Amino acid sequence: MVRRWVIEKSELDGIKIGLAGTLAEREQAFRLVHDSYVARGIAFPARSGLKFSPHHILPGTTTFVATRFGRLLGTISLVEDSPIGLPMEVVHAADIAALRHTGRRFAEVSALSVAQDVRGRGIALLLYNALFRWARRHRLIEDLVIAVHPKMREFYCHGLLFERIGLTREYGALNKALSMPLRIDLTTAAPRYRDIYDRGDMEVAIADRRTNLYRFFLDDVLDCIQLPRFAHPPFTLSSPPAWTDDEVKAYLIDCGVEVARLPRQVRRLIFATYPRTGEPAPNESEAIHPGFAATA
């Protein structure tokens, strides 16, 4: 449980948390993810300096960015289930298959990265706040899943109230880092957070204001978190910012990705979603692109 936690008022000055909506914003985020993964030793440097994942360009994926006066401080992505599944399925396929069998709407929390000089100052929790609210209210997601290193289990399970759903395994695409699959049921998260955190001995401080994690994630209005307003009736989904065909083509080029070397299912989905990116050749190679599954 999180009993003590402080975000100083000065740390929020100029901070904005929102949805990445342009190619420049997205590539800035994917560059931070690339650099963060390389620094942590779970990825090798790419010539492009960008983290590539086909999941990033899908219509159901939302990338969040934290900025201060135009500088990117952090990013996180919400990857909803799709015909190519979730990134963590290359390691935890059976666990995700079991969840998919329930028929619930679920998504993966992916690619959390924070700039080195601002880590430990609340940026990650602000990004989670935006993601949780977007997933729960705008996208009507019922379950969030995430693959984390076992050393982070205490924070996610005892702090954010995730639950373990499978065995710890090696994540081959991330230099064999250990990976533990976790899940949180967003349909019951509110009462669970209220029961545990909505009491006096669980208060935390944000910008000189006393609150707790229940109010932080569900009630508090934070000016720095700038999500779209509800433009539709209840139970209608808000849409993530869309990629254009030209942006997808530019991203693939910038990453140095040869579309013909992506798995067939990925190619088909890209061409079906963004037809102007090109046409699949009749005898394309079935080799899997080395960056295909490296987006935990």
C-alpha atoms as a PDB file:
ATOM      1  CA  MET A   1       0.000   0.000   0.000  1.00  0.00           C
ATOM      2  CA  VAL A   2       1.120   3.561  -0.706  1.00  0.00           C
ATOM      3  CA  ARG A   3       1.077   5.432   2.618  1.00  0.00           C
ATOM      4  CA  ARG A   4       3.470   8.280   1.892  1.00  0.00           C
ATOM      5  CA  TRP A   5       3.978  10.024  -1.386  1.00  0.00           C
ATOM      6  CA  VAL A   6       4.598  13.670  -2.233  1.00  0.00           C
ATOM      7  CA  ILE A   7       4.593  15.617  -5.501  1.00  0.00           C
ATOM      8  CA  GLU A   8       5.834  19.128  -4.830  1.00  0.00           C
ATOM      9  CA  LYS A   9       3.904  22.016  -6.357  1.00  0.00           C
ATOM     10  CA  SER A  10       7.030  23.146  -8.202  1.00  0.00           C
ATOM     11  CA  GLU A  11       7.272  19.729  -9.872  1.00  0.00           C
ATOM     12  CA  LEU A  12       3.911  20.324 -11.585  1.00  0.00           C
ATOM     13  CA  ASP A  13       4.761  23.768 -12.940  1.00  0.00           C
ATOM     14  CA  GLY A  14       4.322  23.664 -16.703  1.00  0.00           C
ATOM     15  CA  ILE A  15       3.541  19.929 -16.758  1.00  0.00           C
ATOM     16  CA  LYS A  16       0.974  18.711 -19.288  1.00  0.00           C
ATOM     17  CA  ILE A  17      -0.204  15.121 -19.666  1.00  0.00           C
ATOM     18  CA  GLY A  18      -2.104  14.400 -22.861  1.00  0.00           C
ATOM     19  CA  LEU A  19      -2.509  12.223 -25.926  1.00  0.00           C
ATOM     20  CA  ALA A  20       0.178  12.178 -28.595  1.00  0.00           C
ATOM     21  CA  GLY A  21      -1.605  13.259 -31.766  1.00  0.00           C
ATOM     22  CA  THR A  22       1.110  14.012 -34.309  1.00  0.00           C
ATOM     23  CA  LEU A  23       3.902  11.984 -35.857  1.00  0.00           C
ATOM     24  CA  ALA A  24       6.460  14.285 -34.238  1.00  0.00           C
ATOM     25  CA  GLU A  25       4.969  13.754 -30.758  1.00  0.00           C
ATOM     26  CA  ARG A  26       4.783  10.004 -31.234  1.00  0.00           C
ATOM     27  CA  GLU A  27       8.309   9.656 -32.583  1.00  0.00           C
ATOM     28  CA  GLN A  28       9.610  11.761 -29.713  1.00  0.00           C
ATOM     29  CA  ALA A  29       7.901   9.310 -27.346  1.00  0.00           C
ATOM     30  CA  PHE A  30       9.238   6.237 -29.157  1.00  0.00           C
ATOM     31  CA  ARG A  31      12.741   7.734 -29.076  1.00  0.00           C
ATOM     32  CA  LEU A  32      12.481   8.092 -25.302  1.00  0.00           C
ATOM     33  CA  VAL A  33      11.299   4.469 -25.025  1.00  0.00           C
ATOM     34  CA  HIS A  34      14.223   3.317 -27.185  1.00  0.00           C
ATOM     35  CA  ASP A  35      16.763   5.245 -25.108  1.00  0.00           C
ATOM     36  CA  SER A  36      15.221   4.055 -21.840  1.00  0.00           C
ATOM     37  CA  TYR A  37      15.242   0.398 -22.892  1.00  0.00           C
ATOM     38  CA  VAL A  38      18.846   0.637 -24.100  1.00  0.00           C
ATOM     39  CA  ALA A  39      19.938   2.303 -20.849  1.00  0.00           C
ATOM     40  CA  ARG A  40      18.233  -0.458 -18.843  1.00  0.00           C
ATOM     41  CA  GLY A  41      19.991  -3.136 -20.877  1.00  0.00           C
ATOM     42  CA  ILE A  42      16.791  -4.707 -22.204  1.00  0.00           C
ATOM     43  CA  ALA A  43      17.244  -3.611 -25.821  1.00  0.00           C
ATOM     44  CA  PHE A  44      20.083  -3.089 -28.263  1.00  0.00           C
ATOM     45  CA  PRO A  45      20.506   0.321 -29.885  1.00  0.00           C
ATOM     46  CA  ALA A  46      18.623   0.715 -33.161  1.00  0.00           C
ATOM     47  CA  ARG A  47      20.214   2.694 -35.956  1.00  0.00           C
ATOM     48  CA  SER A  48      17.079   4.839 -36.161  1.00  0.00           C
ATOM     49  CA  GLY A  49      17.060   5.567 -32.432  1.00  0.00           C
ATOM     50  CA  LEU A  50      13.329   4.777 -32.443  1.00  0.00           C
ATOM     51  CA  LYS A  51      11.373   2.008 -30.734  1.00  0.00           C
ATOM     52  CA  PHE A  52       9.378   0.182 -33.400  1.00  0.00           C
ATOM     53  CA  SER A  53       6.211  -1.784 -32.727  1.00  0.00           C
ATOM     54  CA  PRO A  54       3.325  -2.521 -35.090  1.00  0.00           C
ATOM     55  CA  HIS A  55       1.035  -2.184 -32.074  1.00  0.00           C
ATOM     56  CA  HIS A  56       1.827   1.522 -31.827  1.00  0.00           C
ATOM     57  CA  ILE A  57       0.142   2.318 -35.146  1.00  0.00           C
ATOM     58  CA  LEU A  58      -3.098   0.423 -34.558  1.00  0.00           C
ATOM     59  CA  PRO A  59      -6.356   2.416 -34.199  1.00  0.00           C
ATOM     60  CA  GLY A  60      -6.947   1.024 -30.695  1.00  0.00           C
ATOM     61  CA  THR A  61      -3.602   2.172 -29.284  1.00  0.00           C
ATOM     62  CA  THR A  62      -3.281   5.421 -27.333  1.00  0.00           C
ATOM     63  CA  THR A  63       0.109   6.973 -26.583  1.00  0.00           C
ATOM     64  CA  PHE A  64       0.289   9.435 -23.684  1.00  0.00           C
ATOM     65  CA  VAL A  65       3.008  12.038 -23.261  1.00  0.00           C
ATOM     66  CA  ALA A  66       4.120  14.178 -20.338  1.00  0.00           C
ATOM     67  CA  THR A  67       5.705  17.463 -21.367  1.00  0.00           C
ATOM     68  CA  ARG A  68       6.992  20.635 -19.741  1.00  0.00           C
ATOM     69  CA  PHE A  69       7.347  23.721 -21.915  1.00  0.00           C
ATOM     70  CA  GLY A  70       7.665  21.539 -24.999  1.00  0.00           C
ATOM     71  CA  ARG A  71      10.163  19.059 -23.571  1.00  0.00           C
ATOM     72  CA  LEU A  72       9.109  15.404 -23.372  1.00  0.00           C
ATOM     73  CA  LEU A  73       9.438  14.039 -19.836  1.00  0.00           C
ATOM     74  CA  GLY A  74       7.663  10.708 -20.080  1.00  0.00           C
ATOM     75  CA  THR A  75       5.374   8.447 -22.065  1.00  0.00           C
ATOM     76  CA  ILE A  76       3.139   5.414 -21.682  1.00  0.00           C
ATOM     77  CA  SER A  77       0.879   3.539 -24.106  1.00  0.00           C
ATOM     78  CA  LEU A  78      -2.451   1.748 -23.819  1.00  0.00           C
ATOM     79  CA  VAL A  79      -2.527  -1.115 -26.336  1.00  0.00           C
ATOM     80  CA  GLU A  80      -5.979  -2.609 -26.828  1.00  0.00           C
ATOM     81  CA  ASP A  81      -6.514  -6.148 -28.056  1.00  0.00           C
ATOM     82  CA  SER A  82      -6.401  -6.537 -31.833  1.00  0.00           C
ATOM     83  CA  PRO A  83      -6.034  -9.188 -34.556  1.00  0.00           C
ATOM     84  CA  ILE A  84      -2.293  -9.302 -33.773  1.00  0.00           C
ATOM     85  CA  GLY A  85      -2.915  -9.582 -30.035  1.00  0.00           C
ATOM     86  CA  LEU A  86      -0.905  -7.814 -27.347  1.00  0.00           C
ATOM     87  CA  PRO A  87       2.874  -7.312 -27.108  1.00  0.00           C
ATOM     88  CA  MET A  88       3.166  -9.402 -23.919  1.00  0.00           C
ATOM     89  CA  GLU A  89       1.593 -12.451 -25.577  1.00  0.00           C
ATOM     90  CA  VAL A  90       4.966 -13.540 -26.954  1.00  0.00           C
ATOM     91  CA  VAL A  91       5.781 -14.423 -23.338  1.00  0.00           C
ATOM     92  CA  HIS A  92       2.425 -14.839 -21.585  1.00  0.00           C
ATOM     93  CA  ALA A  93       0.246 -16.254 -24.376  1.00  0.00           C
ATOM     94  CA  ALA A  94      -1.778 -18.675 -22.235  1.00  0.00           C
ATOM     95  CA  ASP A  95      -2.554 -16.043 -19.599  1.00  0.00           C
ATOM     96  CA  ILE A  96      -3.832 -13.557 -22.186  1.00  0.00           C
ATOM     97  CA  ALA A  97      -5.730 -16.280 -24.065  1.00  0.00           C
ATOM     98  CA  ALA A  98      -7.578 -17.140 -20.853  1.00  0.00           C
ATOM     99  CA  LEU A  99      -8.552 -13.498 -20.388  1.00  0.00           C
ATOM    100  CA  ARG A 100      -9.610 -13.176 -24.022  1.00  0.00           C
ATOM    101  CA  HIS A 101     -11.845 -16.233 -23.593  1.00  0.00           C
ATOM    102  CA  THR A 102     -13.937 -14.322 -21.018  1.00  0.00           C
ATOM    103  CA  GLY A 103     -15.096 -11.873 -23.701  1.00  0.00           C
ATOM    104  CA  ARG A 104     -14.129  -8.820 -21.635  1.00  0.00           C
ATOM    105  CA  ARG A 105     -12.595  -5.623 -23.071  1.00  0.00           C
ATOM    106  CA  PHE A 106      -8.954  -5.528 -22.069  1.00  0.00           C
ATOM    107  CA  ALA A 107      -5.761  -3.693 -22.930  1.00  0.00           C
ATOM    108  CA  GLU A 108      -2.068  -3.758 -22.089  1.00  0.00           C
ATOM    109  CA  VAL A 109      -0.169  -1.017 -20.289  1.00  0.00           C
ATOM    110  CA  SER A 110       3.001  -0.715 -22.335  1.00  0.00           C
ATOM    111  CA  ALA A 111       6.186   1.257 -22.988  1.00  0.00           C
ATOM    112  CA  LEU A 112       6.339   3.324 -19.788  1.00  0.00           C
ATOM    113  CA  SER A 113       9.442   5.508 -19.961  1.00  0.00           C
ATOM    114  CA  VAL A 114      10.472   8.597 -17.998  1.00  0.00           C
ATOM    115  CA  ALA A 115      13.455  10.864 -18.694  1.00  0.00           C
ATOM    116  CA  GLN A 116      16.371  10.057 -16.413  1.00  0.00           C
ATOM    117  CA  ASP A 117      16.581  13.466 -14.737  1.00  0.00           C
ATOM    118  CA  VAL A 118      12.919  13.560 -13.638  1.00  0.00           C
ATOM    119  CA  ARG A 119      12.455  10.010 -12.389  1.00  0.00           C
ATOM    120  CA  GLY A 120      11.028   9.653  -8.905  1.00  0.00           C
ATOM    121  CA  ARG A 121       9.149  12.948  -9.150  1.00  0.00           C
ATOM    122  CA  GLY A 122       5.645  11.668  -9.842  1.00  0.00           C
ATOM    123  CA  ILE A 123       5.695  11.722 -13.662  1.00  0.00           C
ATOM    124  CA  ALA A 124       4.997   7.983 -13.912  1.00  0.00           C
ATOM    125  CA  LEU A 125       2.000   8.210 -11.546  1.00  0.00           C
ATOM    126  CA  LEU A 126       0.586  11.162 -13.466  1.00  0.00           C
ATOM    127  CA  LEU A 127       0.888   9.141 -16.685  1.00  0.00           C
ATOM    128  CA  TYR A 128      -0.863   6.209 -14.992  1.00  0.00           C
ATOM    129  CA  ASN A 129      -3.592   8.569 -13.814  1.00  0.00           C
ATOM    130  CA  ALA A 130      -4.271   9.720 -17.372  1.00  0.00           C
ATOM    131  CA  LEU A 131      -4.136   6.160 -18.710  1.00  0.00           C
ATOM    132  CA  PHE A 132      -6.474   4.760 -16.044  1.00  0.00           C
ATOM    133  CA  ARG A 133      -9.041   7.495 -16.584  1.00  0.00           C
ATOM    134  CA  TRP A 134      -8.853   7.183 -20.376  1.00  0.00           C
ATOM    135  CA  ALA A 135      -9.113   3.384 -20.271  1.00  0.00           C
ATOM    136  CA  ARG A 136     -11.956   3.279 -17.765  1.00  0.00           C
ATOM    137  CA  ARG A 137     -14.112   6.225 -18.891  1.00  0.00           C
ATOM    138  CA  HIS A 138     -13.288   6.914 -22.530  1.00  0.00           C
ATOM    139  CA  ARG A 139     -12.542   3.388 -23.803  1.00  0.00           C
ATOM    140  CA  LEU A 140     -14.678   1.326 -21.374  1.00  0.00           C
ATOM    141  CA  ILE A 141     -11.805  -1.078 -20.754  1.00  0.00           C
ATOM    142  CA  GLU A 142     -12.677  -3.718 -18.167  1.00  0.00           C
ATOM    143  CA  ASP A 143      -9.223  -5.175 -17.522  1.00  0.00           C
ATOM    144  CA  LEU A 144      -5.705  -3.779 -17.726  1.00  0.00           C
ATOM    145  CA  VAL A 145      -2.762  -6.162 -18.032  1.00  0.00           C
ATOM    146  CA  ILE A 146       0.934  -5.445 -17.788  1.00  0.00           C
ATOM    147  CA  ALA A 147       4.199  -7.396 -17.875  1.00  0.00           C
ATOM    148  CA  VAL A 148       6.633  -6.204 -15.188  1.00  0.00           C
ATOM    149  CA  HIS A 149       9.933  -7.286 -13.694  1.00  0.00           C
ATOM    150  CA  PRO A 150       9.351  -9.250 -10.454  1.00  0.00           C
ATOM    151  CA  LYS A 151      11.154  -6.559  -8.442  1.00  0.00           C
ATOM    152  CA  MET A 152       8.249  -4.215  -9.314  1.00  0.00           C
ATOM    153  CA  ARG A 153       5.585  -6.570  -7.992  1.00  0.00           C
ATOM    154  CA  GLU A 154       5.349  -4.793  -4.633  1.00  0.00           C
ATOM    155  CA  PHE A 155       4.522  -1.444  -6.253  1.00  0.00           C
ATOM    156  CA  TYR A 156       1.996  -2.802  -8.749  1.00  0.00           C
ATOM    157  CA  CYS A 157       0.276  -5.393  -6.548  1.00  0.00           C
ATOM    158  CA  HIS A 158       0.370  -3.719  -3.129  1.00  0.00           C
ATOM    159  CA  GLY A 159       0.322  -0.143  -4.410  1.00  0.00           C
ATOM    160  CA  LEU A 160      -1.769  -0.047  -7.591  1.00  0.00           C
ATOM    161  CA  LEU A 161      -3.705  -3.236  -6.654  1.00  0.00           C
ATOM    162  CA  PHE A 162      -2.862  -5.354  -9.693  1.00  0.00           C
ATOM    163  CA  GLU A 163      -3.036  -9.136  -9.282  1.00  0.00           C
ATOM    164  CA  ARG A 164      -0.670 -11.773 -10.610  1.00  0.00           C
ATOM    165  CA  ILE A 165      -2.197 -13.923 -13.371  1.00  0.00           C
ATOM    166  CA  GLY A 166       0.650 -16.205 -14.437  1.00  0.00           C
ATOM    167  CA  LEU A 167       4.202 -17.439 -14.042  1.00  0.00           C
ATOM    168  CA  THR A 168       7.353 -15.357 -14.273  1.00  0.00           C
ATOM    169  CA  ARG A 169       9.103 -16.014 -17.580  1.00  0.00           C
ATOM    170  CA  GLU A 170      12.030 -14.733 -19.614  1.00  0.00           C
ATOM    171  CA  TYR A 171      11.103 -12.002 -22.102  1.00  0.00           C
ATOM    172  CA  GLY A 172      13.357 -13.016 -24.987  1.00  0.00           C
ATOM    173  CA  ALA A 173      12.739  -9.878 -27.033  1.00  0.00           C
ATOM    174  CA  LEU A 174      13.828  -7.763 -24.058  1.00  0.00           C
ATOM    175  CA  ASN A 175      17.234  -9.403 -23.601  1.00  0.00           C
ATOM    176  CA  LYS A 176      15.696 -12.202 -21.518  1.00  0.00           C
ATOM    177  CA  ALA A 177      14.537  -9.857 -18.769  1.00  0.00           C
ATOM    178  CA  LEU A 178      12.235 -11.539 -16.262  1.00  0.00           C
ATOM    179  CA  SER A 179       8.554 -10.808 -16.854  1.00  0.00           C
ATOM    180  CA  MET A 180       5.583 -11.272 -14.547  1.00  0.00           C
ATOM    181  CA  PRO A 181       2.003 -10.901 -15.912  1.00  0.00           C
ATOM    182  CA  LEU A 182      -0.379  -8.788 -13.827  1.00  0.00           C
ATOM    183  CA  ARG A 183      -3.994  -7.688 -14.193  1.00  0.00           C
ATOM    184  CA  ILE A 184      -6.371  -5.199 -12.602  1.00  0.00           C
ATOM    185  CA  ASP A 185     -10.154  -5.380 -12.970  1.00  0.00           C
ATOM    186  CA  LEU A 186     -11.236  -1.802 -13.646  1.00  0.00           C
ATOM    187  CA  THR A 187     -14.889  -2.653 -13.001  1.00  0.00           C
ATOM    188  CA  THR A 188     -14.086  -3.301  -9.322  1.00  0.00           C
ATOM    189  CA  ALA A 189     -11.072  -0.998  -8.936  1.00  0.00           C
ATOM    190  CA  ALA A 190     -13.050   1.955  -7.539  1.00  0.00           C
ATOM    191  CA  PRO A 191     -14.471   0.169  -4.461  1.00  0.00           C
ATOM    192  CA  ARG A 192     -11.156  -1.619  -3.858  1.00  0.00           C
ATOM    193  CA  TYR A 193      -9.229   1.668  -3.918  1.00  0.00           C
ATOM    194  CA  ARG A 194     -11.865   3.298  -1.703  1.00  0.00           C
ATOM    195  CA  ASP A 195     -11.736   0.506   0.887  1.00  0.00           C
ATOM    196  CA  ILE A 196      -7.936   0.581   1.105  1.00  0.00           C
ATOM    197  CA  TYR A 197      -6.968   4.195   0.475  1.00  0.00           C
ATOM    198  CA  ASP A 198      -9.890   6.488   1.335  1.00  0.00           C
ATOM    199  CA  ARG A 199      -8.970   7.065   4.974  1.00  0.00           C
ATOM    200  CA  GLY A 200      -6.896   9.501   6.987  1.00  0.00           C
ATOM    201  CA  ASP A 201      -3.746   7.418   7.448  1.00  0.00           C
ATOM    202  CA  MET A 202      -3.424   6.936   3.681  1.00  0.00           C
ATOM    203  CA  GLU A 203      -3.150  10.584   2.668  1.00  0.00           C
ATOM    204  CA  VAL A 204      -0.569  11.753   0.150  1.00  0.00           C
ATOM    205  CA  ALA A 205       0.395  15.276  -0.919  1.00  0.00           C
ATOM    206  CA  ILE A 206       0.123  16.670  -4.440  1.00  0.00           C
ATOM    207  CA  ALA A 207       1.011  20.325  -4.984  1.00  0.00           C
ATOM    208  CA  ASP A 208       0.364  21.161  -1.313  1.00  0.00           C
ATOM    209  CA  ARG A 209      -3.051  19.462  -1.429  1.00  0.00           C
ATOM    210  CA  ARG A 210      -3.889  16.476   0.751  1.00  0.00           C
ATOM    211  CA  THR A 211      -5.475  13.566  -1.078  1.00  0.00           C
ATOM    212  CA  ASN A 212      -5.191   9.766  -1.343  1.00  0.00           C
ATOM    213  CA  LEU A 213      -4.795   7.296  -4.177  1.00  0.00           C
ATOM    214  CA  TYR A 214      -8.538   6.663  -4.359  1.00  0.00           C
ATOM    215  CA  ARG A 215      -9.306  10.340  -4.921  1.00  0.00           C
ATOM    216  CA  PHE A 216      -6.164  10.789  -7.054  1.00  0.00           C
ATOM    217  CA  PHE A 217      -7.222   8.173  -9.603  1.00  0.00           C
ATOM    218  CA  LEU A 218     -10.993   8.614  -9.476  1.00  0.00           C
ATOM    219  CA  ASP A 219     -12.088  12.031  -8.188  1.00  0.00           C
ATOM    220  CA  ASP A 220      -9.397  14.704  -8.177  1.00  0.00           C
ATOM    221  CA  VAL A 221      -9.339  17.223 -11.016  1.00  0.00           C
ATOM    222  CA  LEU A 222      -5.719  17.805 -12.009  1.00  0.00           C
ATOM    223  CA  ASP A 223      -5.192  20.724 -14.365  1.00  0.00           C
ATOM    224  CA  CYS A 224      -2.052  19.115 -15.786  1.00  0.00           C
ATOM    225  CA  ILE A 225      -3.984  16.106 -17.113  1.00  0.00           C
ATOM    226  CA  GLN A 226      -5.626  17.179 -20.343  1.00  0.00           C
ATOM    227  CA  LEU A 227      -7.853  14.462 -21.774  1.00  0.00           C
ATOM    228  CA  PRO A 228     -10.497  15.114 -24.446  1.00  0.00           C
ATOM    229  CA  ARG A 229     -13.946  16.011 -23.189  1.00  0.00           C
ATOM    230  CA  PHE A 230     -16.742  13.532 -23.650  1.00  0.00           C
ATOM    231  CA  ALA A 231     -18.258  14.416 -27.012  1.00  0.00           C
ATOM    232  CA  HIS A 232     -20.591  11.435 -27.192  1.00  0.00           C
ATOM    233  CA  PRO A 233     -23.451   9.931 -25.175  1.00  0.00           C
ATOM    234  CA  PRO A 234     -22.636   7.489 -22.359  1.00  0.00           C
ATOM    235  CA  PHE A 235     -21.333   4.061 -23.387  1.00  0.00           C
ATOM    236  CA  THR A 236     -19.939   5.443 -26.647  1.00  0.00           C
ATOM    237  CA  LEU A 237     -16.179   5.176 -26.994  1.00  0.00           C
ATOM    238  CA  SER A 238     -13.886   8.149 -27.443  1.00  0.00           C
ATOM    239  CA  SER A 239     -11.369   7.524 -30.225  1.00  0.00           C
ATOM    240  CA  PRO A 240      -7.589   7.769 -29.832  1.00  0.00           C
ATOM    241  CA  PRO A 241      -5.897  10.293 -32.138  1.00  0.00           C
ATOM    242  CA  ALA A 242      -5.730   8.641 -35.555  1.00  0.00           C
ATOM    243  CA  TRP A 243      -2.651   7.973 -37.641  1.00  0.00           C
ATOM    244  CA  THR A 244      -2.817   8.933 -41.308  1.00  0.00           C
ATOM    245  CA  ASP A 245      -1.526   6.633 -44.033  1.00  0.00           C
ATOM    246  CA  ASP A 246       1.299   9.087 -44.698  1.00  0.00           C
ATOM    247  CA  GLU A 247       2.284   9.165 -41.016  1.00  0.00           C
ATOM    248  CA  VAL A 248       2.395   5.367 -40.875  1.00  0.00           C
ATOM    249  CA  LYS A 249       4.523   5.250 -44.006  1.00  0.00           C
ATOM    250  CA  ALA A 250       6.871   7.898 -42.573  1.00  0.00           C
ATOM    251  CA  TYR A 251       7.140   6.046 -39.240  1.00  0.00           C
ATOM    252  CA  LEU A 252       8.045   2.794 -40.984  1.00  0.00           C
ATOM    253  CA  ILE A 253      10.683   4.591 -43.048  1.00  0.00           C
ATOM    254  CA  ASP A 254      12.075   6.451 -40.035  1.00  0.00           C
ATOM    255  CA  CYS A 255      12.375   3.156 -38.136  1.00  0.00           C
ATOM    256  CA  GLY A 256      14.077   1.495 -41.099  1.00  0.00           C
ATOM    257  CA  VAL A 257      11.412  -1.213 -41.202  1.00  0.00           C
ATOM    258  CA  GLU A 258      10.992  -3.348 -44.310  1.00  0.00           C
ATOM    259  CA  VAL A 259       7.286  -4.129 -44.387  1.00  0.00           C
ATOM    260  CA  ALA A 260       7.916  -7.278 -46.439  1.00  0.00           C
ATOM    261  CA  ARG A 261       9.829  -8.746 -43.475  1.00  0.00           C
ATOM    262  CA  LEU A 262       7.008  -8.299 -40.981  1.00  0.00           C
ATOM    263  CA  PRO A 263       4.822 -11.321 -40.140  1.00  0.00           C
ATOM    264  CA  ARG A 264       2.030 -11.902 -42.653  1.00  0.00           C
ATOM    265  CA  GLN A 265      -0.731 -11.152 -40.140  1.00  0.00           C
ATOM    266  CA  VAL A 266       0.905  -7.825 -39.283  1.00  0.00           C
ATOM    267  CA  ARG A 267       1.325  -6.893 -42.942  1.00  0.00           C
ATOM    268  CA  ARG A 268      -2.282  -7.697 -43.714  1.00  0.00           C
ATOM    269  CA  LEU A 269      -3.523  -5.607 -40.810  1.00  0.00           C
ATOM    270  CA  ILE A 270      -1.338  -2.643 -41.780  1.00  0.00           C
ATOM    271  CA  PHE A 271      -2.469  -2.750 -45.413  1.00  0.00           C
ATOM    272  CA  ALA A 272      -6.129  -3.218 -44.429  1.00  0.00           C
ATOM    273  CA  THR A 273      -6.015  -0.295 -41.989  1.00  0.00           C
ATOM    274  CA  TYR A 274      -3.767   2.010 -44.012  1.00  0.00           C
ATOM    275  CA  PRO A 275      -4.181   0.992 -47.675  1.00  0.00           C
ATOM    276  CA  ARG A 276      -2.064   3.852 -49.005  1.00  0.00           C
ATOM    277  CA  THR A 277       1.045   2.565 -47.240  1.00  0.00           C
ATOM    278  CA  GLY A 278       1.594   0.109 -50.107  1.00  0.00           C
ATOM    279  CA  GLU A 279       0.481  -3.221 -51.490  1.00  0.00           C
ATOM    280  CA  PRO A 280       1.696  -6.607 -50.201  1.00  0.00           C
ATOM    281  CA  ALA A 281       3.903  -8.464 -52.649  1.00  0.00           C
ATOM    282  CA  PRO A 282       2.758 -11.996 -53.574  1.00  0.00           C
ATOM    283  CA  ASN A 283       5.853 -13.792 -52.247  1.00  0.00           C
ATOM    284  CA  GLU A 284       6.952 -11.762 -49.251  1.00  0.00           C
ATOM    285  CA  SER A 285       9.284 -13.296 -46.697  1.00  0.00           C
ATOM    286  CA  GLU A 286       7.713 -14.638 -43.505  1.00  0.00           C
ATOM    287  CA  ALA A 287      10.664 -13.658 -41.332  1.00  0.00           C
ATOM    288  CA  ILE A 288       9.611 -11.891 -38.161  1.00  0.00           C
ATOM    289  CA  HIS A 289      10.964  -8.386 -37.786  1.00  0.00           C
ATOM    290  CA  PRO A 290      13.252  -8.278 -34.710  1.00  0.00           C
ATOM    291  CA  GLY A 291      11.287  -5.379 -33.226  1.00  0.00           C
ATOM    292  CA  PHE A 292       7.861  -7.007 -33.646  1.00  0.00           C
ATOM    293  CA  ALA A 293       7.350  -8.142 -30.079  1.00  0.00           C
ATOM    294  CA  ALA A 294       9.732  -5.899 -28.188  1.00  0.00           C
ATOM    295  CA  THR A 295       7.222  -3.422 -26.764  1.00  0.00           C
ATOM    296  CA  ALA A 296       6.460  -4.517 -23.233  1.00  0.00           C
END
